[in-house]
Protein backbone atom coordinates (compact mmCIF):
# COMPACT_ATOMS: atom_id res chain seq x y z
CA UNK A 1 71.60 93.65 -83.29
CA UNK A 2 70.13 95.99 -80.68
CA UNK A 3 72.29 98.88 -81.89
CA UNK A 4 71.43 98.11 -85.50
CA UNK A 5 67.74 98.22 -84.57
CA UNK A 6 68.20 101.64 -82.99
CA UNK A 7 69.99 102.94 -86.07
CA UNK A 8 67.20 101.59 -88.27
CA UNK A 9 64.66 103.38 -86.09
CA UNK A 10 66.37 106.73 -86.62
CA UNK A 11 66.79 106.26 -90.36
CA UNK A 12 63.21 105.00 -90.70
CA UNK A 13 62.00 108.18 -89.01
CA UNK A 14 64.21 110.34 -91.25
CA UNK A 15 63.15 108.68 -94.49
CA UNK A 16 59.40 108.64 -93.76
CA UNK A 17 59.37 112.28 -92.61
CA UNK A 18 61.50 113.30 -95.61
CA UNK A 19 59.05 111.61 -97.96
CA UNK A 20 56.15 113.45 -96.31
CA UNK A 21 57.89 116.79 -96.78
CA UNK A 22 58.65 116.09 -100.45
CA UNK A 23 55.17 114.74 -101.23
CA UNK A 24 53.63 117.59 -99.28
CA UNK A 25 55.51 120.15 -101.36
CA UNK A 26 54.37 118.46 -104.57
CA UNK A 27 50.74 118.63 -103.49
CA UNK A 28 51.04 122.23 -102.32
CA UNK A 29 51.91 123.03 -105.93
CA UNK A 30 49.27 120.74 -107.42
CA UNK A 31 46.40 121.81 -105.18
CA UNK A 32 47.07 125.56 -105.22
CA UNK A 33 47.58 126.31 -108.94
CA UNK A 34 44.06 127.66 -109.52
CA UNK A 35 44.10 129.65 -106.28
CA UNK A 36 47.45 131.21 -107.19
CA UNK A 37 46.11 132.31 -110.56
CA UNK A 38 42.93 133.81 -109.08
CA UNK A 39 44.86 135.61 -106.34
CA UNK A 40 47.89 137.01 -108.19
CA UNK A 41 47.93 135.59 -111.71
CA UNK A 42 50.93 133.46 -110.76
CA UNK A 43 50.06 129.73 -110.61
CA UNK A 44 53.13 129.03 -108.45
CA UNK A 45 52.37 131.82 -105.95
CA UNK A 46 51.55 129.56 -103.00
CA UNK A 47 54.28 127.09 -103.90
CA UNK A 48 56.91 129.84 -103.89
CA UNK A 49 55.71 130.95 -100.46
CA UNK A 50 55.80 127.32 -99.33
CA UNK A 51 59.45 127.05 -100.37
CA UNK A 52 60.25 130.23 -98.44
CA UNK A 53 58.57 128.92 -95.28
CA UNK A 54 60.24 125.55 -95.83
CA UNK A 55 63.62 127.27 -95.90
CA UNK A 56 62.85 129.21 -92.72
CA UNK A 57 61.65 126.00 -91.07
CA UNK A 58 64.87 124.30 -92.10
CA UNK A 59 66.84 127.03 -90.35
CA UNK A 60 64.66 126.50 -87.29
CA UNK A 61 65.39 122.76 -87.32
CA UNK A 62 69.12 123.50 -87.52
CA UNK A 63 68.87 125.86 -84.54
CA UNK A 64 66.90 123.30 -82.51
CA UNK A 65 69.65 120.75 -83.05
CA UNK A 66 72.23 123.30 -81.95
CA UNK A 67 70.22 124.32 -78.87
CA UNK A 68 69.31 120.76 -77.85
CA UNK A 69 66.38 119.43 -75.85
CA UNK A 70 68.26 120.00 -72.57
CA UNK A 71 68.23 123.77 -73.04
CA UNK A 72 64.65 123.70 -74.27
CA UNK A 73 63.71 121.87 -71.07
CA UNK A 74 65.48 124.53 -69.02
CA UNK A 75 63.42 127.32 -70.60
CA UNK A 76 60.17 125.36 -71.10
CA UNK A 77 58.09 127.67 -68.89
CA UNK A 78 59.35 130.82 -70.63
CA UNK A 79 58.76 129.34 -74.08
CA UNK A 80 55.19 128.42 -73.18
CA UNK A 81 54.49 131.76 -71.49
CA UNK A 82 55.71 133.61 -74.57
CA UNK A 83 53.34 131.66 -76.82
CA UNK A 84 50.47 132.17 -74.37
CA UNK A 85 51.03 135.95 -74.52
CA UNK A 86 51.02 135.81 -78.32
CA UNK A 87 47.81 133.77 -78.51
CA UNK A 88 45.25 136.61 -78.00
CA UNK A 89 47.22 139.19 -80.02
CA UNK A 90 45.36 138.69 -83.34
CA UNK A 91 42.45 140.63 -81.80
CA UNK A 92 44.73 143.63 -81.42
CA UNK A 93 45.79 143.36 -85.07
CA UNK A 94 42.21 143.35 -86.31
CA UNK A 95 42.28 139.72 -87.38
CA UNK A 96 40.53 136.57 -86.21
CA UNK A 97 43.51 134.22 -85.91
CA UNK A 98 46.54 135.87 -87.53
CA UNK A 99 49.07 138.44 -86.45
CA UNK A 100 49.72 140.44 -89.62
CA UNK A 101 52.74 142.69 -90.00
CA UNK A 102 53.06 143.99 -93.55
CA UNK A 103 53.12 141.06 -96.00
CA UNK A 104 53.87 138.57 -93.22
CA UNK A 105 51.33 136.77 -91.05
CA UNK A 106 51.58 134.25 -88.24
CA UNK A 107 48.97 132.10 -86.49
CA UNK A 108 49.73 131.86 -82.73
CA UNK A 109 47.35 128.91 -82.25
CA UNK A 110 49.77 126.76 -84.27
CA UNK A 111 52.58 127.70 -81.90
CA UNK A 112 50.57 126.98 -78.73
CA UNK A 113 50.12 123.33 -79.77
CA UNK A 114 53.89 122.94 -79.90
CA UNK A 115 54.80 124.88 -76.76
CA UNK A 116 52.03 123.35 -74.63
CA UNK A 117 53.57 119.93 -75.30
CA UNK A 118 56.98 121.29 -74.23
CA UNK A 119 55.49 122.74 -71.05
CA UNK A 120 53.56 119.55 -70.22
CA UNK A 121 56.68 117.42 -70.72
CA UNK A 122 58.61 119.58 -68.29
CA UNK A 123 55.71 119.72 -65.81
CA UNK A 124 55.11 115.96 -65.83
CA UNK A 125 58.80 115.30 -65.26
CA UNK A 126 58.93 117.66 -62.28
CA UNK A 127 55.68 116.33 -60.80
CA UNK A 128 56.23 112.64 -61.57
CA UNK A 129 56.06 111.63 -57.91
CA UNK A 130 52.72 113.36 -57.30
CA UNK A 131 51.03 112.85 -60.68
CA UNK A 132 48.28 110.74 -59.11
CA UNK A 133 47.28 113.65 -56.90
CA UNK A 134 44.33 115.59 -58.32
CA UNK A 135 45.72 118.85 -56.92
CA UNK A 136 48.83 118.41 -59.08
CA UNK A 137 46.71 118.14 -62.24
CA UNK A 138 44.81 121.33 -61.44
CA UNK A 139 47.64 123.56 -62.74
CA UNK A 140 47.83 122.24 -66.35
CA UNK A 141 44.03 121.89 -66.42
CA UNK A 142 43.70 125.57 -65.49
CA UNK A 143 46.17 126.53 -68.23
CA UNK A 144 44.27 124.41 -70.74
CA UNK A 145 41.05 126.24 -69.84
CA UNK A 146 42.77 129.60 -70.39
CA UNK A 147 43.98 128.43 -73.80
CA UNK A 148 40.49 127.16 -74.63
CA UNK A 149 38.91 130.48 -73.72
CA UNK A 150 41.29 132.44 -75.94
CA UNK A 151 40.85 129.98 -78.81
CA UNK A 152 37.08 130.47 -78.69
CA UNK A 153 37.58 134.20 -79.25
CA UNK A 154 39.19 133.06 -82.51
CA UNK A 155 36.49 130.45 -83.30
CA UNK A 156 39.17 127.76 -83.25
CA UNK A 157 37.68 124.46 -82.13
CA UNK A 158 40.17 122.19 -83.90
CA UNK A 159 43.17 123.33 -81.87
CA UNK A 160 41.22 122.81 -78.64
CA UNK A 161 40.38 119.22 -79.66
CA UNK A 162 43.98 118.39 -80.61
CA UNK A 163 45.71 119.79 -77.52
CA UNK A 164 43.04 118.32 -75.21
CA UNK A 165 43.58 114.83 -76.63
CA UNK A 166 47.36 115.20 -76.36
CA UNK A 167 46.96 116.44 -72.78
CA UNK A 168 44.99 113.35 -71.70
CA UNK A 169 47.36 111.06 -73.60
CA UNK A 170 50.46 112.49 -71.90
CA UNK A 171 48.81 112.21 -68.48
CA UNK A 172 48.13 108.56 -69.23
CA UNK A 173 51.77 107.95 -70.15
CA UNK A 174 52.93 109.78 -67.01
CA UNK A 175 50.88 107.43 -64.81
CA UNK A 176 47.87 109.55 -63.79
CA UNK A 177 44.96 107.71 -62.20
CA UNK A 178 42.50 106.21 -64.68
CA UNK A 179 39.53 107.71 -62.80
CA UNK A 180 41.09 111.18 -63.18
CA UNK A 181 41.61 110.60 -66.90
CA UNK A 182 38.01 109.41 -67.33
CA UNK A 183 36.76 112.47 -65.48
CA UNK A 184 38.88 114.79 -67.67
CA UNK A 185 37.72 113.05 -70.84
CA UNK A 186 34.05 113.33 -69.89
CA UNK A 187 34.53 116.93 -68.80
CA UNK A 188 36.11 117.60 -72.19
CA UNK A 189 33.10 116.09 -73.96
CA UNK A 190 30.71 118.32 -72.00
CA UNK A 191 32.93 121.36 -72.66
CA UNK A 192 32.99 120.52 -76.37
CA UNK A 193 29.19 120.29 -76.41
CA UNK A 194 29.03 123.62 -74.58
CA UNK A 195 31.21 125.20 -77.26
CA UNK A 196 29.17 123.77 -80.13
CA UNK A 197 25.52 124.11 -79.11
CA UNK A 198 25.37 127.91 -78.57
CA UNK A 199 27.11 128.49 -81.91
CA UNK A 200 24.78 128.66 -84.91
CA UNK A 201 27.32 127.79 -87.60
CA UNK A 202 28.65 124.86 -85.54
CA UNK A 203 25.13 123.49 -85.11
CA UNK A 204 24.70 123.72 -88.88
CA UNK A 205 27.84 121.64 -89.35
CA UNK A 206 26.41 118.99 -87.03
CA UNK A 207 23.21 118.94 -89.11
CA UNK A 208 25.24 118.45 -92.29
CA UNK A 209 27.24 115.69 -90.62
CA UNK A 210 24.09 113.84 -89.50
CA UNK A 211 22.37 114.38 -92.85
CA UNK A 212 24.81 114.83 -95.78
CA UNK A 213 21.91 115.76 -98.07
CA UNK A 214 20.98 118.72 -95.87
CA UNK A 215 21.56 121.90 -97.89
CA UNK A 216 23.67 120.12 -100.57
CA UNK A 217 24.35 123.32 -102.51
CA UNK A 218 25.06 125.39 -99.42
CA UNK A 219 26.53 124.28 -96.12
CA UNK A 220 26.75 120.65 -97.21
CA UNK A 221 28.42 121.43 -100.53
CA UNK A 222 32.04 121.25 -99.38
CA UNK A 223 31.91 117.90 -97.63
CA UNK A 224 29.91 116.32 -100.46
CA UNK A 225 32.44 117.56 -103.00
CA UNK A 226 35.24 116.29 -100.77
CA UNK A 227 33.84 112.75 -100.86
CA UNK A 228 33.28 112.93 -104.62
CA UNK A 229 36.82 114.22 -105.17
CA UNK A 230 38.37 111.58 -102.94
CA UNK A 231 36.41 108.73 -104.51
CA UNK A 232 36.89 109.81 -108.11
CA UNK A 233 40.54 108.72 -108.06
CA UNK A 234 39.74 105.03 -107.69
CA UNK A 235 42.68 102.74 -106.91
CA UNK A 236 45.52 104.48 -108.74
CA UNK A 237 44.18 107.99 -109.31
CA UNK A 238 43.97 110.20 -112.38
CA UNK A 239 47.64 111.10 -112.29
CA UNK A 240 49.72 113.65 -110.45
CA UNK A 241 48.47 117.14 -111.30
CA UNK A 242 45.57 115.76 -113.36
CA UNK A 243 42.90 116.36 -110.74
CA UNK A 244 39.95 118.39 -112.02
CA UNK A 245 37.71 118.98 -109.04
CA UNK A 246 40.29 121.18 -107.27
CA UNK A 247 39.92 123.66 -110.13
CA UNK A 248 36.27 124.60 -109.73
CA UNK A 249 34.33 122.21 -107.51
CA UNK A 250 36.15 121.71 -104.21
CA UNK A 251 36.58 124.84 -102.05
CA UNK A 252 39.73 125.12 -99.90
CA UNK A 253 41.34 122.27 -101.83
CA UNK A 254 44.80 123.61 -101.02
CA UNK A 255 44.19 123.85 -97.26
CA UNK A 256 41.52 121.95 -95.36
CA UNK A 257 40.75 119.38 -98.07
CA UNK A 258 44.12 118.63 -99.64
CA UNK A 259 43.84 114.94 -98.70
CA UNK A 260 40.89 114.72 -101.09
CA UNK A 261 43.15 116.06 -103.87
CA UNK A 262 45.64 113.30 -103.05
CA UNK A 263 42.82 110.78 -103.43
CA UNK A 264 41.77 112.12 -106.81
CA UNK A 265 45.27 112.26 -108.26
CA UNK A 266 46.97 109.24 -106.64
CA UNK A 267 43.92 107.20 -105.67
CA UNK A 268 43.72 104.75 -102.80
CA UNK A 269 47.40 103.88 -103.26
CA UNK A 270 48.40 107.49 -102.66
CA UNK A 271 46.17 108.13 -99.66
CA UNK A 272 47.19 104.82 -98.07
CA UNK A 273 50.87 105.63 -98.63
CA UNK A 274 50.51 108.94 -96.81
CA UNK A 275 48.66 107.18 -94.01
CA UNK A 276 51.54 104.69 -93.86
CA UNK A 277 54.24 107.39 -93.73
CA UNK A 278 52.44 109.27 -90.96
CA UNK A 279 51.98 105.98 -89.12
CA UNK A 280 55.72 105.28 -89.36
CA UNK A 281 56.54 108.74 -87.98
CA UNK A 282 54.06 108.39 -85.10
CA UNK A 283 54.97 104.86 -84.01
CA UNK A 284 58.69 105.46 -84.52
CA UNK A 285 58.28 108.46 -82.23
CA UNK A 286 56.68 106.21 -79.63
CA UNK A 287 59.67 103.86 -79.90
CA UNK A 288 61.99 106.81 -79.34
CA UNK A 289 59.93 107.70 -76.27
CA UNK A 290 60.48 104.19 -74.88
CA UNK A 291 64.25 104.51 -75.41
CA UNK A 292 64.59 107.95 -73.80
CA UNK A 293 66.54 108.13 -70.54
CA UNK A 294 65.40 111.65 -69.70
CA UNK A 295 61.73 111.83 -68.68
CA UNK A 296 61.39 115.19 -70.44
CA UNK A 297 62.58 113.62 -73.72
CA UNK A 298 60.28 110.65 -73.12
CA UNK A 299 57.15 112.77 -72.72
CA UNK A 300 58.19 115.25 -75.39
CA UNK A 301 58.80 112.65 -78.10
CA UNK A 302 55.49 110.95 -77.24
CA UNK A 303 53.63 114.27 -77.31
CA UNK A 304 55.13 115.40 -80.63
CA UNK A 305 54.38 112.02 -82.22
CA UNK A 306 50.80 112.26 -80.99
CA UNK A 307 50.55 115.78 -82.42
CA UNK A 308 51.33 114.48 -85.91
CA UNK A 309 48.97 111.55 -85.45
CA UNK A 310 45.98 113.55 -84.25
CA UNK A 311 46.44 116.26 -86.91
CA UNK A 312 46.46 113.64 -89.64
CA UNK A 313 43.49 111.76 -88.18
CA UNK A 314 41.39 114.89 -87.74
CA UNK A 315 42.15 116.21 -91.22
CA UNK A 316 41.46 112.87 -92.94
CA UNK A 317 38.34 112.27 -90.83
CA UNK A 318 36.89 115.61 -91.96
CA UNK A 319 37.72 114.87 -95.61
CA UNK A 320 36.03 111.46 -95.32
CA UNK A 321 33.01 112.88 -93.50
CA UNK A 322 33.68 110.76 -90.39
CA UNK A 323 33.52 113.84 -88.15
CA UNK A 324 31.78 117.20 -88.67
CA UNK A 325 33.55 119.69 -90.89
CA UNK A 326 36.35 121.57 -89.14
CA UNK A 327 39.21 123.40 -90.75
CA UNK A 328 42.37 121.44 -89.91
CA UNK A 329 45.51 121.47 -91.99
CA UNK A 330 47.38 118.32 -93.03
CA UNK A 331 51.00 118.67 -91.85
CA UNK A 332 53.42 119.44 -94.75
CA UNK A 333 50.62 119.19 -97.36
CA UNK A 334 48.32 122.13 -96.66
CA UNK A 335 49.16 125.68 -97.67
CA UNK A 336 50.06 127.75 -94.61
CA UNK A 337 53.35 129.13 -93.36
CA UNK A 338 52.58 128.97 -89.62
CA UNK A 339 51.50 125.34 -89.79
CA UNK A 340 54.51 124.34 -91.89
CA UNK A 341 57.10 126.02 -89.67
CA UNK A 342 55.66 124.66 -86.42
CA UNK A 343 55.38 121.14 -87.82
CA UNK A 344 58.97 121.35 -89.07
CA UNK A 345 60.14 122.50 -85.64
CA UNK A 346 58.20 119.66 -83.99
CA UNK A 347 59.70 117.17 -86.45
CA UNK A 348 63.19 118.61 -85.97
CA UNK A 349 62.91 118.27 -82.19
CA UNK A 350 61.63 114.69 -82.52
CA UNK A 351 64.53 113.82 -84.83
CA UNK A 352 66.98 115.45 -82.41
CA UNK A 353 65.75 113.27 -79.55
CA UNK A 354 65.75 110.19 -81.82
CA UNK A 355 69.34 110.82 -82.88
CA UNK A 356 70.42 111.36 -79.29
CA UNK A 357 68.80 108.13 -78.08
CA UNK A 358 69.54 105.91 -81.07
CA UNK A 359 73.22 106.87 -81.20
CA UNK A 360 73.69 107.28 -77.44
CA UNK A 361 76.24 104.46 -77.13
CA UNK A 362 78.40 105.85 -79.94
CA UNK A 363 78.30 109.37 -78.47
CA UNK A 364 79.18 108.09 -75.00
CA UNK A 365 82.03 105.97 -76.38
CA UNK A 366 83.39 108.98 -78.26
CA UNK A 367 83.17 111.18 -75.18
CA UNK A 368 84.89 108.48 -73.09
CA UNK A 369 87.62 108.12 -75.70
CA UNK A 370 88.17 111.87 -75.78
CA UNK A 371 88.38 111.98 -71.98
CA UNK A 372 90.86 109.07 -71.83
CA UNK A 373 92.96 110.59 -74.56
């Protein structure tokens, strides 16, 4: 029964993540039709690019399974250092957040979310015995501050929030002192306030958040239209592809507000289903973390699961007006090659660890049989 439960865990993770990828692809097409026409005259322009990135991400997932988490652990520092070097490069390419080479572009801030989790997992494993020592925590805290500084050059507050929350969560799992975690959390709140208050456009977003009727045709327009779009679908929605507000009312419907399009077209049933599928992925990932023998795999699977959870929560919270407006993509649903590839790699690595842990007994029996033979 125990083995059957492990198998079910792996297949549950595969099915729920597969459904998210399929549904996400459908809504990339549905939400981006008007934008494709206005940009190139081709309504399927963004969907075709999505399929290309999906194919490249699939190759990446295959390579991750060939490489294995053991080798990734071995080179964790190098992988993170490479992404940290890439992070400020958009400035040298004359862009805010993207490295553009010809028709291709890549957003390094998406990569840093993934590689910082890999680095933290390796660091926490190596420093497990001294994790309650404040001096031990100073190294990843210093690296987080460096990342934060670079991200602010790119006006990217969302990535800072996500990786900071994951950082505190992984420290909690690793057994850091509660007083240290409380201090880091409060310090993060003060840092967040320090990043928001001096910035004029961020202060405006806070005003809109506190008073939705503030500048309803200007800075408050997008969030008000998001709520209207989301609510207009009712229980069952208007039908897949039948959404109207994505065509002329809701800006960035194919990126930062795609969850609102889901609400209009599939209603409460659709939005709840996506919430459910993400919940299955996240909590299944936590179960995998509990099963993991290797501490690196334990922290890594927990961190990757949390990444999916926080990205979904932040995106949906913005769409619902629960938090101030902040551009955050919904994994697998929003248009964006960098986001899609990194989320596919994160999912592929999580599935690799899940397969290794859920089928461990079969693999060990096979290896023992081969040795005896």
